[in-house]
C-alpha atoms as a PDB file:
ATOM      1  CA  UNK A   1      95.420  86.044 110.628  1.00  0.00           C
ATOM      2  CA  UNK A   2      97.578  83.082 109.614  1.00  0.00           C
ATOM      3  CA  UNK A   3      97.263  84.090 105.958  1.00  0.00           C
ATOM      4  CA  UNK A   4      98.274  87.646 106.803  1.00  0.00           C
ATOM      5  CA  UNK A   5     101.276  86.543 108.856  1.00  0.00           C
ATOM      6  CA  UNK A   6     102.363  84.163 106.130  1.00  0.00           C
ATOM      7  CA  UNK A   7     102.132  86.962 103.566  1.00  0.00           C
ATOM      8  CA  UNK A   8     104.227  89.272 105.748  1.00  0.00           C
ATOM      9  CA  UNK A   9     106.787  86.538 106.401  1.00  0.00           C
ATOM     10  CA  UNK A  10     107.110  85.526 102.747  1.00  0.00           C
ATOM     11  CA  UNK A  11     107.044  89.096 101.499  1.00  0.00           C
ATOM     12  CA  UNK A  12     109.844  90.263 103.791  1.00  0.00           C
ATOM     13  CA  UNK A  13     111.814  87.073 103.168  1.00  0.00           C
ATOM     14  CA  UNK A  14     111.614  87.547  99.414  1.00  0.00           C
ATOM     15  CA  UNK A  15     112.423  91.247  99.602  1.00  0.00           C
ATOM     16  CA  UNK A  16     115.587  90.633 101.628  1.00  0.00           C
ATOM     17  CA  UNK A  17     116.611  87.707  99.414  1.00  0.00           C
ATOM     18  CA  UNK A  18     116.299  90.014  96.410  1.00  0.00           C
ATOM     19  CA  UNK A  19     118.252  92.854  98.036  1.00  0.00           C
ATOM     20  CA  UNK A  20     121.083  90.633  99.263  1.00  0.00           C
ATOM     21  CA  UNK A  21     121.074  88.304  96.269  1.00  0.00           C
ATOM     22  CA  UNK A  22     121.088  91.025  93.633  1.00  0.00           C
ATOM     23  CA  UNK A  23     123.804  92.869  95.537  1.00  0.00           C
ATOM     24  CA  UNK A  24     125.948  89.755  95.563  1.00  0.00           C
ATOM     25  CA  UNK A  25     125.264  89.060  91.895  1.00  0.00           C
ATOM     26  CA  UNK A  26     126.149  92.648  91.030  1.00  0.00           C
ATOM     27  CA  UNK A  27     129.645  92.273  92.477  1.00  0.00           C
ATOM     28  CA  UNK A  28     130.253  89.232  90.270  1.00  0.00           C
ATOM     29  CA  UNK A  29     129.141  91.144  87.180  1.00  0.00           C
ATOM     30  CA  UNK A  30     131.003  94.406  87.656  1.00  0.00           C
ATOM     31  CA  UNK A  31     133.732  96.044  89.726  1.00  0.00           C
ATOM     32  CA  UNK A  32     132.175  99.486  89.233  1.00  0.00           C
ATOM     33  CA  UNK A  33     130.356 100.486  92.419  1.00  0.00           C
ATOM     34  CA  UNK A  34     127.906 102.619  90.497  1.00  0.00           C
ATOM     35  CA  UNK A  35     126.947  99.747  88.224  1.00  0.00           C
ATOM     36  CA  UNK A  36     126.670  97.425  91.233  1.00  0.00           C
ATOM     37  CA  UNK A  37     124.303  99.820  92.983  1.00  0.00           C
ATOM     38  CA  UNK A  38     122.237 100.251  89.812  1.00  0.00           C
ATOM     39  CA  UNK A  39     121.823  96.477  89.420  1.00  0.00           C
ATOM     40  CA  UNK A  40     120.815  96.207  93.087  1.00  0.00           C
ATOM     41  CA  UNK A  41     118.354  99.083  92.675  1.00  0.00           C
ATOM     42  CA  UNK A  42     116.630  97.802  89.542  1.00  0.00           C
ATOM     43  CA  UNK A  43     116.153  94.320  90.978  1.00  0.00           C
ATOM     44  CA  UNK A  44     114.714  95.726  94.215  1.00  0.00           C
ATOM     45  CA  UNK A  45     112.289  98.055  92.413  1.00  0.00           C
ATOM     46  CA  UNK A  46     110.739  95.273  90.349  1.00  0.00           C
ATOM     47  CA  UNK A  47     110.552  92.787  93.223  1.00  0.00           C
ATOM     48  CA  UNK A  48     109.013  95.284  95.643  1.00  0.00           C
ATOM     49  CA  UNK A  49     106.365  96.361  93.143  1.00  0.00           C
ATOM     50  CA  UNK A  50     105.429  92.739  92.447  1.00  0.00           C
ATOM     51  CA  UNK A  51     105.280  91.837  96.145  1.00  0.00           C
ATOM     52  CA  UNK A  52     103.047  94.803  97.003  1.00  0.00           C
ATOM     53  CA  UNK A  53     100.747  94.059  94.074  1.00  0.00           C
ATOM     54  CA  UNK A  54     100.379  90.349  94.858  1.00  0.00           C
ATOM     55  CA  UNK A  55     100.423  90.304  98.666  1.00  0.00           C
ATOM     56  CA  UNK A  56      98.862  93.703  99.347  1.00  0.00           C
ATOM     57  CA  UNK A  57      95.282  92.369  99.201  1.00  0.00           C
ATOM     58  CA  UNK A  58      96.179  89.717 101.793  1.00  0.00           C
ATOM     59  CA  UNK A  59      98.102  91.554 104.515  1.00  0.00           C
ATOM     60  CA  UNK A  60      98.436  95.128 103.326  1.00  0.00           C
ATOM     61  CA  UNK A  61     102.014  94.378 102.216  1.00  0.00           C
ATOM     62  CA  UNK A  62     103.768  96.103 105.100  1.00  0.00           C
ATOM     63  CA  UNK A  63     107.007  94.037 104.982  1.00  0.00           C
ATOM     64  CA  UNK A  64     108.350  96.754 107.267  1.00  0.00           C
ATOM     65  CA  UNK A  65     108.041  97.278 111.053  1.00  0.00           C
ATOM     66  CA  UNK A  66     108.037 101.049 110.510  1.00  0.00           C
ATOM     67  CA  UNK A  67     104.898 100.745 108.404  1.00  0.00           C
ATOM     68  CA  UNK A  68     103.298  98.372 110.904  1.00  0.00           C
ATOM     69  CA  UNK A  69     104.055 100.700 113.829  1.00  0.00           C
ATOM     70  CA  UNK A  70     102.522 103.579 111.880  1.00  0.00           C
ATOM     71  CA  UNK A  71      99.358 101.572 111.258  1.00  0.00           C
ATOM     72  CA  UNK A  72      99.206 100.655 114.947  1.00  0.00           C
ATOM     73  CA  UNK A  73      99.617 104.293 116.020  1.00  0.00           C
ATOM     74  CA  UNK A  74      96.760 105.313 113.722  1.00  0.00           C
ATOM     75  CA  UNK A  75      94.558 102.518 115.159  1.00  0.00           C
ATOM     76  CA  UNK A  76      94.220 100.778 111.808  1.00  0.00           C
ATOM     77  CA  UNK A  77      95.456  97.486 113.204  1.00  0.00           C
ATOM     78  CA  UNK A  78      95.491  96.137 116.758  1.00  0.00           C
ATOM     79  CA  UNK A  79      98.623  96.022 118.896  1.00  0.00           C
ATOM     80  CA  UNK A  80      98.487  92.207 118.902  1.00  0.00           C
ATOM     81  CA  UNK A  81      98.302  92.003 115.122  1.00  0.00           C
ATOM     82  CA  UNK A  82     101.051  94.593 114.828  1.00  0.00           C
ATOM     83  CA  UNK A  83     103.352  92.687 117.176  1.00  0.00           C
ATOM     84  CA  UNK A  84     102.781  89.462 115.250  1.00  0.00           C
ATOM     85  CA  UNK A  85     103.453  91.247 111.954  1.00  0.00           C
ATOM     86  CA  UNK A  86     106.760  92.578 113.279  1.00  0.00           C
ATOM     87  CA  UNK A  87     107.870  89.125 114.435  1.00  0.00           C
ATOM     88  CA  UNK A  88     106.995  87.719 111.007  1.00  0.00           C
ATOM     89  CA  UNK A  89     108.896  90.526 109.276  1.00  0.00           C
ATOM     90  CA  UNK A  90     112.091  90.139 111.294  1.00  0.00           C
ATOM     91  CA  UNK A  91     112.108  86.348 111.055  1.00  0.00           C
ATOM     92  CA  UNK A  92     111.276  86.454 107.342  1.00  0.00           C
ATOM     93  CA  UNK A  93     114.068  88.943 106.755  1.00  0.00           C
ATOM     94  CA  UNK A  94     116.677  86.722 108.409  1.00  0.00           C
ATOM     95  CA  UNK A  95     115.526  83.731 106.354  1.00  0.00           C
ATOM     96  CA  UNK A  96     115.812  85.851 103.219  1.00  0.00           C
ATOM     97  CA  UNK A  97     119.434  86.616 104.065  1.00  0.00           C
ATOM     98  CA  UNK A  98     120.152  82.933 104.666  1.00  0.00           C
ATOM     99  CA  UNK A  99     118.640  81.985 101.305  1.00  0.00           C
ATOM    100  CA  UNK A 100     120.614  84.664  99.440  1.00  0.00           C
ATOM    101  CA  UNK A 101     123.859  83.701 101.176  1.00  0.00           C
ATOM    102  CA  UNK A 102     123.425  80.029 100.364  1.00  0.00           C
ATOM    103  CA  UNK A 103     122.546  80.720  96.723  1.00  0.00           C
ATOM    104  CA  UNK A 104     126.008  82.218  96.252  1.00  0.00           C
ATOM    105  CA  UNK A 105     127.861  79.554  98.253  1.00  0.00           C
ATOM    106  CA  UNK A 106     128.436  81.787 101.252  1.00  0.00           C
ATOM    107  CA  UNK A 107     127.918  80.721 104.872  1.00  0.00           C
ATOM    108  CA  UNK A 108     124.228  80.766 105.813  1.00  0.00           C
ATOM    109  CA  UNK A 109     124.909  83.548 108.296  1.00  0.00           C
ATOM    110  CA  UNK A 110     128.124  85.534 108.424  1.00  0.00           C
ATOM    111  CA  UNK A 111     128.531  88.873 110.126  1.00  0.00           C
ATOM    112  CA  UNK A 112     128.874  91.963 107.988  1.00  0.00           C
ATOM    113  CA  UNK A 113     131.906  94.202 108.401  1.00  0.00           C
ATOM    114  CA  UNK A 114     130.512  97.071 106.339  1.00  0.00           C
ATOM    115  CA  UNK A 115     130.384  99.967 108.810  1.00  0.00           C
ATOM    116  CA  UNK A 116     127.674 102.448 107.882  1.00  0.00           C
ATOM    117  CA  UNK A 117     127.666 105.185 110.473  1.00  0.00           C
ATOM    118  CA  UNK A 118     127.523 108.953 110.677  1.00  0.00           C
ATOM    119  CA  UNK A 119     125.030 111.800 110.839  1.00  0.00           C
ATOM    120  CA  UNK A 120     124.892 112.071 107.042  1.00  0.00           C
ATOM    121  CA  UNK A 121     123.851 108.424 106.664  1.00  0.00           C
ATOM    122  CA  UNK A 122     121.314 108.686 109.474  1.00  0.00           C
ATOM    123  CA  UNK A 123     119.840 111.753 107.790  1.00  0.00           C
ATOM    124  CA  UNK A 124     119.545 109.729 104.591  1.00  0.00           C
ATOM    125  CA  UNK A 125     117.589 107.063 106.468  1.00  0.00           C
ATOM    126  CA  UNK A 126     115.290 109.657 108.026  1.00  0.00           C
ATOM    127  CA  UNK A 127     114.502 111.084 104.599  1.00  0.00           C
ATOM    128  CA  UNK A 128     114.059 107.706 102.891  1.00  0.00           C
ATOM    129  CA  UNK A 129     111.732 106.363 105.576  1.00  0.00           C
ATOM    130  CA  UNK A 130     109.817 109.619 105.999  1.00  0.00           C
ATOM    131  CA  UNK A 131     109.160 109.718 102.275  1.00  0.00           C
ATOM    132  CA  UNK A 132     107.906 106.133 102.284  1.00  0.00           C
ATOM    133  CA  UNK A 133     105.454 106.678 105.151  1.00  0.00           C
ATOM    134  CA  UNK A 134     104.387 110.047 103.770  1.00  0.00           C
ATOM    135  CA  UNK A 135     103.468 108.487 100.435  1.00  0.00           C
ATOM    136  CA  UNK A 136     101.506 105.692 102.094  1.00  0.00           C
ATOM    137  CA  UNK A 137      99.399 108.177 104.061  1.00  0.00           C
ATOM    138  CA  UNK A 138      98.793 110.446 101.075  1.00  0.00           C
ATOM    139  CA  UNK A 139      97.848 107.551  98.794  1.00  0.00           C
ATOM    140  CA  UNK A 140      95.392 106.326 101.415  1.00  0.00           C
ATOM    141  CA  UNK A 141      93.938 109.782 101.916  1.00  0.00           C
ATOM    142  CA  UNK A 142      93.418 110.212  98.167  1.00  0.00           C
ATOM    143  CA  UNK A 143      92.004 106.697  97.750  1.00  0.00           C
ATOM    144  CA  UNK A 144      94.855 105.827  95.389  1.00  0.00           C
ATOM    145  CA  UNK A 145      96.316 102.784  97.130  1.00  0.00           C
ATOM    146  CA  UNK A 146      95.933 100.882  93.862  1.00  0.00           C
ATOM    147  CA  UNK A 147      98.968 102.849  92.697  1.00  0.00           C
ATOM    148  CA  UNK A 148     101.041 101.802  95.730  1.00  0.00           C
ATOM    149  CA  UNK A 149     103.120  99.161  93.888  1.00  0.00           C
ATOM    150  CA  UNK A 150     104.407 101.720  91.398  1.00  0.00           C
ATOM    151  CA  UNK A 151     104.662 104.719  93.738  1.00  0.00           C
ATOM    152  CA  UNK A 152     106.307 102.991  96.694  1.00  0.00           C
ATOM    153  CA  UNK A 153     108.700 100.876  94.637  1.00  0.00           C
ATOM    154  CA  UNK A 154     109.551 103.984  92.625  1.00  0.00           C
ATOM    155  CA  UNK A 155     110.312 105.951  95.789  1.00  0.00           C
ATOM    156  CA  UNK A 156     112.563 103.267  97.240  1.00  0.00           C
ATOM    157  CA  UNK A 157     114.376 102.904  93.926  1.00  0.00           C
ATOM    158  CA  UNK A 158     114.904 106.636  93.665  1.00  0.00           C
ATOM    159  CA  UNK A 159     116.025 106.859  97.292  1.00  0.00           C
ATOM    160  CA  UNK A 160     118.592 104.108  96.644  1.00  0.00           C
ATOM    161  CA  UNK A 161     120.295 106.556  94.320  1.00  0.00           C
ATOM    162  CA  UNK A 162     119.781 109.949  95.972  1.00  0.00           C
ATOM    163  CA  UNK A 163     120.182 109.242  99.705  1.00  0.00           C
ATOM    164  CA  UNK A 164     123.584 108.889 101.332  1.00  0.00           C
ATOM    165  CA  UNK A 165     122.511 105.649 103.050  1.00  0.00           C
ATOM    166  CA  UNK A 166     121.145 103.981  99.867  1.00  0.00           C
ATOM    167  CA  UNK A 167     117.700 103.793 101.459  1.00  0.00           C
ATOM    168  CA  UNK A 168     117.383 100.822 103.788  1.00  0.00           C
ATOM    169  CA  UNK A 169     114.186 102.450 105.175  1.00  0.00           C
ATOM    170  CA  UNK A 170     113.145  99.257 106.985  1.00  0.00           C
ATOM    171  CA  UNK A 171     114.207  97.992 110.445  1.00  0.00           C
ATOM    172  CA  UNK A 172     113.608  94.322 109.588  1.00  0.00           C
ATOM    173  CA  UNK A 173     115.618  94.544 106.373  1.00  0.00           C
ATOM    174  CA  UNK A 174     118.360  96.462 108.170  1.00  0.00           C
ATOM    175  CA  UNK A 175     118.621  93.821 110.898  1.00  0.00           C
ATOM    176  CA  UNK A 176     118.677  90.979 108.369  1.00  0.00           C
ATOM    177  CA  UNK A 177     121.414  92.635 106.318  1.00  0.00           C
ATOM    178  CA  UNK A 178     123.680  92.450 109.357  1.00  0.00           C
ATOM    179  CA  UNK A 179     124.060  88.717 108.670  1.00  0.00           C
ATOM    180  CA  UNK A 180     125.783  88.986 105.291  1.00  0.00           C
ATOM    181  CA  UNK A 181     129.239  90.327 104.571  1.00  0.00           C
ATOM    182  CA  UNK A 182     128.346  91.005 100.952  1.00  0.00           C
ATOM    183  CA  UNK A 183     127.622  94.174  98.991  1.00  0.00           C
ATOM    184  CA  UNK A 184     124.331  94.758 100.834  1.00  0.00           C
ATOM    185  CA  UNK A 185     125.584  94.078 104.350  1.00  0.00           C
ATOM    186  CA  UNK A 186     125.692  96.394 107.334  1.00  0.00           C
ATOM    187  CA  UNK A 187     127.897  95.883 110.386  1.00  0.00           C
ATOM    188  CA  UNK A 188     125.903  95.001 113.520  1.00  0.00           C
ATOM    189  CA  UNK A 189     127.273  98.030 115.355  1.00  0.00           C
ATOM    190  CA  UNK A 190     125.724 100.264 112.672  1.00  0.00           C
ATOM    191  CA  UNK A 191     122.249  98.730 112.852  1.00  0.00           C
ATOM    192  CA  UNK A 192     120.976 100.587 115.930  1.00  0.00           C
ATOM    193  CA  UNK A 193     121.712 104.029 114.487  1.00  0.00           C
ATOM    194  CA  UNK A 194     119.951 103.133 111.233  1.00  0.00           C
ATOM    195  CA  UNK A 195     116.861 101.798 112.978  1.00  0.00           C
ATOM    196  CA  UNK A 196     116.575 104.857 115.232  1.00  0.00           C
ATOM    197  CA  UNK A 197     116.807 107.102 112.165  1.00  0.00           C
ATOM    198  CA  UNK A 198     114.171 104.998 110.391  1.00  0.00           C
ATOM    199  CA  UNK A 199     111.755 105.265 113.306  1.00  0.00           C
ATOM    200  CA  UNK A 200     112.236 109.030 113.444  1.00  0.00           C
ATOM    201  CA  UNK A 201     111.586 109.218 109.716  1.00  0.00           C
ATOM    202  CA  UNK A 202     108.512 107.015 110.050  1.00  0.00           C
ATOM    203  CA  UNK A 203     107.072 109.320 112.696  1.00  0.00           C
ATOM    204  CA  UNK A 204     107.708 112.451 110.645  1.00  0.00           C
ATOM    205  CA  UNK A 205     106.349 110.920 107.450  1.00  0.00           C
ATOM    206  CA  UNK A 206     103.234 109.595 109.162  1.00  0.00           C
ATOM    207  CA  UNK A 207     102.460 112.908 110.838  1.00  0.00           C
ATOM    208  CA  UNK A 208     102.985 115.013 107.728  1.00  0.00           C
ATOM    209  CA  UNK A 209     101.222 112.619 105.390  1.00  0.00           C
ATOM    210  CA  UNK A 210      98.260 112.227 107.730  1.00  0.00           C
ATOM    211  CA  UNK A 211      98.033 115.998 108.198  1.00  0.00           C
ATOM    212  CA  UNK A 212      97.990 116.695 104.474  1.00  0.00           C
ATOM    213  CA  UNK A 213      95.519 113.875 103.846  1.00  0.00           C
ATOM    214  CA  UNK A 214      93.133 115.291 106.441  1.00  0.00           C
ATOM    215  CA  UNK A 215      93.577 118.773 105.016  1.00  0.00           C
ATOM    216  CA  UNK A 216      92.813 117.482 101.527  1.00  0.00           C
ATOM    217  CA  UNK A 217      89.704 115.670 102.734  1.00  0.00           C
ATOM    218  CA  UNK A 218      88.457 118.796 104.492  1.00  0.00           C
ATOM    219  CA  UNK A 219      88.927 120.831 101.310  1.00  0.00           C
ATOM    220  CA  UNK A 220      86.930 118.275  99.297  1.00  0.00           C
ATOM    221  CA  UNK A 221      84.119 118.338 101.858  1.00  0.00           C
ATOM    222  CA  UNK A 222      83.980 122.137 101.697  1.00  0.00           C
ATOM    223  CA  UNK A 223      83.818 122.032  97.891  1.00  0.00           C
ATOM    224  CA  UNK A 224      80.900 119.616  98.064  1.00  0.00           C
ATOM    225  CA  UNK A 225      78.892 121.818 100.426  1.00  0.00           C
END
């Protein structure tokens, strides 16, 4: 369990450090918002794929309370393990923000003033998170979890660029990004709306993905009869 918790803590910490750090770096390299977002996206894609590949065999590479809650609901992990994972994810995320802030000579923690609110942004978070959880369930159902690093990182990278919210899709990451007033930050008053949207998306994605996975398995069993 300690190895799993450490993997979740380090994975979430690194992911947030990459998101916040690359966002900050992007603003020093360009004043074009599109270029800044592209730099942030590319860095996140590569880091997420690497983290899932390396830490997946240890903890399952959740790095995301929405994923952990989904696994708990489907009885794949216990409620105690799930609760510990979530604590590790939130604490790791905050440390990741601190590290990124300090790397660029910012205060360790400083409140974001970037308001991100509105039904259109919440819809973006629902879609981004639903897609993530849907893909996890389908990959599991098709016994293709080995492709998770590419598929999941690819989805998040794509959702960065096609969703109105730029795809936070993670309550722990969202909370941690409230402590940086840089490119990647989110104002504390906007966090609750994002997390609610993410949990709704997680529920929808889990239900649909699990339904299609079960349907696919039933079809295979019928073909084998």
